[in-house]
Amino acid sequence: MKHRPPPPGKGEPEAQSYPSGHALETTAVALATGWVLVREEIAPAWAVVPVALTASLVSTLGRLVLDRHWSSDSVGGTFAGATIGTAAAAIYEAARQPARRARW
């Protein structure tokens, strides 16, 4: 199969582009931060969820609009960010639980 050239704004064809770091970082931070804000009742979910989703979407689509990534790079970054953000929220929840004493 013929190798597809990188997007015009990509630059070096050998440089790593998968997953998109911008999409990954923004999605992970938005998800984890949103979880903490809602869980600690700092902000209501109806306000946090749209902001977090918009931040992730803008970051993901922004790399495509600027021709810095293929769509698979951006989507992969978003999914990886969602995984990391979910793991961070789970760790946060585990840390909030009171320590249990072992019963012998």
Protein backbone atom coordinates (compact mmCIF):
# COMPACT_ATOMS: atom_id res chain seq x y z
CA MET A 1 0.00 0.00 0.00
CA LYS A 2 1.11 3.48 -0.72
CA HIS A 3 2.15 5.45 2.38
CA ARG A 4 0.00 8.52 2.96
CA PRO A 5 1.93 11.76 3.43
CA PRO A 6 1.47 13.57 6.74
CA PRO A 7 -0.94 16.50 7.02
CA PRO A 8 0.52 19.72 5.56
CA GLY A 9 1.17 21.36 8.92
CA LYS A 10 2.78 18.25 10.41
CA GLY A 11 6.36 18.94 9.39
CA GLU A 12 8.64 15.93 9.84
CA PRO A 13 7.07 12.67 8.61
CA GLU A 14 9.05 10.60 11.15
CA ALA A 15 7.93 12.64 14.17
CA GLN A 16 5.46 10.93 16.48
CA SER A 17 1.89 12.15 16.12
CA TYR A 18 -0.21 9.38 17.68
CA PRO A 19 -1.93 10.03 19.97
CA SER A 20 -2.46 13.76 19.94
CA GLY A 21 -0.92 15.08 23.13
CA HIS A 22 -3.11 18.18 23.06
CA ALA A 23 -6.31 16.16 22.91
CA LEU A 24 -5.03 13.68 25.50
CA GLU A 25 -3.96 16.27 28.06
CA THR A 26 -7.01 18.50 27.69
CA THR A 27 -9.46 15.61 27.92
CA ALA A 28 -7.76 14.05 30.95
CA VAL A 29 -7.56 17.33 32.86
CA ALA A 30 -11.11 18.38 31.95
CA LEU A 31 -12.55 15.04 33.03
CA ALA A 32 -10.63 14.77 36.31
CA THR A 33 -11.17 18.42 37.22
CA GLY A 34 -14.86 18.23 36.36
CA TRP A 35 -15.25 15.14 38.52
CA VAL A 36 -13.66 16.83 41.53
CA LEU A 37 -15.69 20.03 41.08
CA VAL A 38 -18.96 18.12 41.00
CA ARG A 39 -18.01 15.60 43.70
CA GLU A 40 -16.93 18.31 46.15
CA GLU A 41 -20.04 20.33 45.28
CA ILE A 42 -17.95 23.30 44.17
CA ALA A 43 -19.92 23.60 40.93
CA PRO A 44 -23.10 21.96 39.64
CA ALA A 45 -22.88 19.20 37.05
CA TRP A 46 -25.09 21.14 34.64
CA ALA A 47 -22.35 23.80 34.45
CA VAL A 48 -19.26 21.57 34.60
CA VAL A 49 -20.18 18.91 32.02
CA PRO A 50 -20.68 21.26 29.04
CA VAL A 51 -17.45 23.12 29.81
CA ALA A 52 -15.42 19.91 30.10
CA LEU A 53 -16.90 18.46 26.91
CA THR A 54 -16.36 21.71 25.01
CA ALA A 55 -12.72 21.95 26.11
CA SER A 56 -12.07 18.38 24.98
CA LEU A 57 -13.88 18.86 21.68
CA VAL A 58 -12.13 22.15 20.86
CA SER A 59 -8.73 20.65 21.58
CA THR A 60 -9.47 17.55 19.53
CA LEU A 61 -10.91 19.38 16.54
CA GLY A 62 -8.38 22.19 16.76
CA ARG A 63 -5.53 19.87 15.79
CA LEU A 64 -7.52 18.73 12.77
CA VAL A 65 -8.42 22.25 11.67
CA LEU A 66 -4.76 23.28 11.92
CA ASP A 67 -3.72 20.19 9.92
CA ARG A 68 -1.40 19.01 12.70
CA HIS A 69 -2.86 15.50 13.02
CA TRP A 70 -4.85 12.90 11.21
CA SER A 71 -8.29 12.25 12.65
CA SER A 72 -7.08 8.95 14.16
CA ASP A 73 -4.39 10.86 16.10
CA SER A 74 -6.93 13.24 17.61
CA VAL A 75 -9.54 10.59 18.39
CA GLY A 76 -6.87 8.35 19.90
CA GLY A 77 -5.69 11.22 22.09
CA THR A 78 -9.24 11.88 23.24
CA PHE A 79 -9.83 8.23 24.14
CA ALA A 80 -6.48 7.98 25.93
CA GLY A 81 -7.28 11.20 27.81
CA ALA A 82 -10.68 9.82 28.81
CA THR A 83 -8.98 6.69 30.12
CA ILE A 84 -6.45 8.66 32.15
CA GLY A 85 -9.10 11.09 33.44
CA THR A 86 -11.33 8.21 34.50
CA ALA A 87 -8.41 6.52 36.27
CA ALA A 88 -7.61 9.79 38.06
CA ALA A 89 -11.24 10.11 39.19
CA ALA A 90 -11.19 6.51 40.46
CA ILE A 91 -7.99 7.13 42.41
CA TYR A 92 -9.54 10.29 43.84
CA GLU A 93 -12.60 8.30 44.95
CA ALA A 94 -10.44 5.61 46.52
CA ALA A 95 -8.46 8.25 48.41
CA ARG A 96 -11.67 9.80 49.77
CA GLN A 97 -12.83 6.55 51.34
CA PRO A 98 -12.00 6.22 55.02
CA ALA A 99 -9.30 3.72 55.85
CA ARG A 100 -10.72 0.36 56.85
CA ARG A 101 -9.22 -1.57 59.72
CA ALA A 102 -8.35 -5.14 59.15
CA ARG A 103 -10.38 -7.48 61.33
CA TRP A 104 -8.42 -10.42 62.58
